[in-house]
């Protein structure tokens, strides 16, 4: 299946008539959304191929092993690899993601108000660097619409894996009113998420990254934790471009407000070390295009941030590691640096749907080679002060 994707499907996705990566994404997600809805509104004879195909995907792309399972925040994660926010912005394909082997999925980013996002083109691929640049701008249908979508999906059948919901600020909302904006989305969606993420680190909404400053972030955390009754896991997603003092301040604030974890990291503004000279969509250099860079070039920095947070908290604050995971070795680096869970997006586009299975099999091989009885024993292992279990 991996070879089929690389030799036949990837060239169609990356070139030719399918040169617009956003159009390809939209078509793919539309099809997956239809499959996720399954037999809703149809007679069984009209939809029997859908469950057959989903079951086939589960056999092809999934991998079950009790050594990969974790209990975190009262939730069961059958494996540590999740789908990152940004792929399924409106939560329309939640029932499909388990069939690609994911141990959890995060939908969004969703905002209080529906918004179209930034002008196109706003998504660019850099195949030479196994990277992407996006300046989507939180395009989504809004929190109320997502709540309706998730309610209908969960009425049809409960989601099979933990579901996270990533919350952002509406573009039209002034920074001074951000706390209320986040609170509104949270309250609309509270019933449907297993955990929630405060996204203050996308570079594509004006003023958003300023909310990572302690004095700006504190009222948002206060508003959400006040509304968070009974408590559900609440995490914050940070940028890789912060300095160590800024990250340490966010970590301290997260502990003060009893956040459940940190997601490290979002996309980067850096263009350092890229091989790509010109983007096919515009002819511009990557340096000339505004937006966040994701994929392989982000791997080292995101791992460094994970290691720093783990050191600052002595492993007491769970970390979801994301950024540049293109295979099992990248995943192992982040786990042993201190991440309990992982997320993929750009790597999944480049490597294809077999990536999750490849990562899980590679992690099991490393656990066996290093003598770890289970995945949790390897988390933070490469930290010099890590307690070995």
Foldseek 3Di string as FASTA:
>chain_A
DLVCCQPPVLVVCCDDPNPQNVVVLVVVVVVLLVLLLACVPHDCVVGVVSVVVLQVLQVQQADADCQQWDQAQNFIQRHFEEAEEDSAALPRNLQRVVSLHHSEYEYHQAWQAADQFDDPPAKFDDVVQLKIFGLRGRHDHHLLSSLVNLVSSVVVPNRPHAYEYEYEYDLPDDLVCRLVGRLNSCVSCVVRHQEYEYEQAWPNRPPSVVCLACVSVLSNLVSNLVVQVPHHAYEYEHALPDDLVSLLSSLVSCVVSVHQAYEFHDFDLDPPPRPDQATPVPRHGPNVDDGGMFAQVFLVSSLVSQLSSCVSVVLPHAYEGEGHCQAQVSVLSNQLSAHPHYYYDSSCSVSHSNRSVRNVVSVVVVCVVVVNSHSNQRGNNPRPPHDHD
